[in-house]
Amino acid sequence: MKILFVIIVSVVALWLGGCATDLPLVSDEDYNSIHRPAAASPDAMTLVPRAY
C-alpha cells in the first residue's frame, strides 16, 4: 500500500511539473522588449568575424 501511494504521488508530481513548463508566463518577445541590454554592454556583432 505504501509503494502504491509513492507511485501515485510521483506520477502526480511529474504530471504537474510537466504542465508547468508548457505555458510560459511571459513570451520571448515580451521578455526581450522588457529586458534591454545594459548601457555599457559591448555590441555582440563586433565579435563576429567578417569574410572579405
N, C-alpha and C. Protein backbone atom coordinates (compact mmCIF):
# COMPACT_ATOMS: atom_id res chain seq x y z
N MET A 1 0.82 -1.19 0.00
CA MET A 1 0.00 0.00 0.00
C MET A 1 0.87 1.26 0.00
N LYS A 2 1.98 1.18 0.74
CA LYS A 2 2.88 2.33 0.81
C LYS A 2 3.54 2.58 -0.55
N ILE A 3 3.88 1.50 -1.26
CA ILE A 3 4.51 1.63 -2.57
C ILE A 3 3.52 2.24 -3.57
N LEU A 4 2.27 1.84 -3.52
CA LEU A 4 1.26 2.39 -4.40
C LEU A 4 1.08 3.89 -4.15
N PHE A 5 1.09 4.31 -2.90
CA PHE A 5 0.99 5.73 -2.57
C PHE A 5 2.17 6.51 -3.14
N VAL A 6 3.37 5.97 -3.01
CA VAL A 6 4.58 6.64 -3.53
C VAL A 6 4.51 6.75 -5.05
N ILE A 7 4.04 5.71 -5.72
CA ILE A 7 3.92 5.74 -7.17
C ILE A 7 2.90 6.78 -7.61
N ILE A 8 1.76 6.83 -6.93
CA ILE A 8 0.73 7.81 -7.29
C ILE A 8 1.23 9.23 -7.07
N VAL A 9 1.89 9.48 -5.96
CA VAL A 9 2.43 10.82 -5.68
C VAL A 9 3.49 11.19 -6.72
N SER A 10 4.33 10.24 -7.11
CA SER A 10 5.35 10.51 -8.11
C SER A 10 4.74 10.84 -9.47
N VAL A 11 3.74 10.09 -9.87
CA VAL A 11 3.08 10.33 -11.16
C VAL A 11 2.39 11.69 -11.16
N VAL A 12 1.71 12.03 -10.07
CA VAL A 12 1.03 13.33 -9.99
C VAL A 12 2.06 14.46 -10.00
N ALA A 13 3.17 14.30 -9.31
CA ALA A 13 4.21 15.35 -9.29
C ALA A 13 4.82 15.53 -10.68
N LEU A 14 5.09 14.45 -11.38
CA LEU A 14 5.63 14.56 -12.74
C LEU A 14 4.61 15.17 -13.69
N TRP A 15 3.35 14.82 -13.51
CA TRP A 15 2.31 15.37 -14.36
C TRP A 15 2.17 16.87 -14.15
N LEU A 16 2.14 17.30 -12.91
CA LEU A 16 2.03 18.73 -12.61
C LEU A 16 3.29 19.48 -13.03
N GLY A 17 4.43 18.89 -12.86
CA GLY A 17 5.68 19.53 -13.28
C GLY A 17 5.76 19.69 -14.78
N GLY A 18 5.24 18.72 -15.51
CA GLY A 18 5.23 18.82 -16.96
C GLY A 18 4.27 19.88 -17.46
N CYS A 19 3.16 20.05 -16.79
CA CYS A 19 2.19 21.07 -17.20
C CYS A 19 2.72 22.47 -16.91
N ALA A 20 3.56 22.61 -15.93
CA ALA A 20 4.06 23.93 -15.57
C ALA A 20 5.01 24.49 -16.63
N THR A 21 5.66 23.64 -17.41
CA THR A 21 6.62 24.11 -18.41
C THR A 21 5.98 24.35 -19.77
N ASP A 22 4.73 23.94 -19.98
CA ASP A 22 4.11 24.08 -21.29
C ASP A 22 3.67 25.51 -21.59
N LEU A 23 3.24 26.25 -20.59
CA LEU A 23 2.74 27.60 -20.80
C LEU A 23 3.59 28.60 -20.03
N PRO A 24 4.52 29.27 -20.71
CA PRO A 24 5.33 30.27 -20.01
C PRO A 24 4.47 31.48 -19.63
N LEU A 25 4.86 32.15 -18.58
CA LEU A 25 4.12 33.33 -18.13
C LEU A 25 4.39 34.53 -19.02
N VAL A 26 5.59 34.59 -19.60
CA VAL A 26 5.96 35.70 -20.47
C VAL A 26 6.51 35.12 -21.77
N SER A 27 6.07 35.65 -22.90
CA SER A 27 6.59 35.17 -24.18
C SER A 27 8.00 35.71 -24.41
N ASP A 28 8.71 35.14 -25.36
CA ASP A 28 10.06 35.60 -25.67
C ASP A 28 10.07 37.05 -26.16
N GLU A 29 9.07 37.42 -26.94
CA GLU A 29 9.00 38.79 -27.45
C GLU A 29 8.78 39.79 -26.31
N ASP A 30 7.91 39.43 -25.37
CA ASP A 30 7.67 40.32 -24.24
C ASP A 30 8.91 40.44 -23.36
N TYR A 31 9.60 39.32 -23.12
CA TYR A 31 10.80 39.35 -22.29
C TYR A 31 11.87 40.22 -22.93
N ASN A 32 12.07 40.07 -24.25
CA ASN A 32 13.10 40.86 -24.94
C ASN A 32 12.74 42.33 -24.99
N SER A 33 11.46 42.66 -25.05
CA SER A 33 11.08 44.08 -25.07
C SER A 33 11.25 44.72 -23.69
N ILE A 34 11.11 43.94 -22.64
CA ILE A 34 11.25 44.47 -21.28
C ILE A 34 12.71 44.55 -20.87
N HIS A 35 13.50 43.52 -21.18
CA HIS A 35 14.90 43.43 -20.75
C HIS A 35 15.82 43.83 -21.89
N ARG A 36 16.22 45.07 -21.89
CA ARG A 36 17.18 45.58 -22.87
C ARG A 36 18.59 45.30 -22.39
N PRO A 37 19.59 45.35 -23.30
CA PRO A 37 20.98 45.18 -22.86
C PRO A 37 21.40 46.31 -21.92
N ALA A 38 22.39 46.04 -21.12
CA ALA A 38 22.90 47.05 -20.20
C ALA A 38 23.53 48.20 -20.99
N ALA A 39 23.61 49.36 -20.37
CA ALA A 39 24.10 50.55 -21.05
C ALA A 39 25.55 50.40 -21.50
N ALA A 40 26.39 49.76 -20.70
CA ALA A 40 27.81 49.65 -21.02
C ALA A 40 28.16 48.30 -21.64
N SER A 41 27.17 47.54 -22.10
CA SER A 41 27.47 46.22 -22.66
C SER A 41 28.05 46.36 -24.07
N PRO A 42 29.00 45.51 -24.43
CA PRO A 42 29.58 45.60 -25.78
C PRO A 42 28.61 45.09 -26.83
N ASP A 43 28.80 45.57 -28.05
CA ASP A 43 27.96 45.12 -29.16
C ASP A 43 28.42 43.73 -29.57
N ALA A 44 27.51 42.78 -29.57
CA ALA A 44 27.89 41.39 -29.90
C ALA A 44 28.30 41.25 -31.37
N MET A 45 27.81 42.12 -32.24
CA MET A 45 28.14 42.00 -33.65
C MET A 45 29.60 42.36 -33.95
N THR A 46 30.25 43.07 -33.05
CA THR A 46 31.67 43.38 -33.27
C THR A 46 32.54 42.15 -33.06
N LEU A 47 32.01 41.12 -32.41
CA LEU A 47 32.79 39.91 -32.16
C LEU A 47 32.65 38.89 -33.28
N VAL A 48 31.73 39.13 -34.24
CA VAL A 48 31.53 38.20 -35.34
C VAL A 48 32.53 38.53 -36.45
N PRO A 49 33.37 37.58 -36.86
CA PRO A 49 34.34 37.86 -37.92
C PRO A 49 33.63 38.00 -39.27
N ARG A 50 34.16 38.89 -40.09
CA ARG A 50 33.60 39.11 -41.42
C ARG A 50 34.45 38.41 -42.46
N ALA A 51 33.80 37.85 -43.47
CA ALA A 51 34.51 37.22 -44.58
C ALA A 51 34.63 38.24 -45.71
N TYR A 52 35.85 38.53 -46.13
CA TYR A 52 36.06 39.53 -47.18
C TYR A 52 36.28 38.87 -48.49
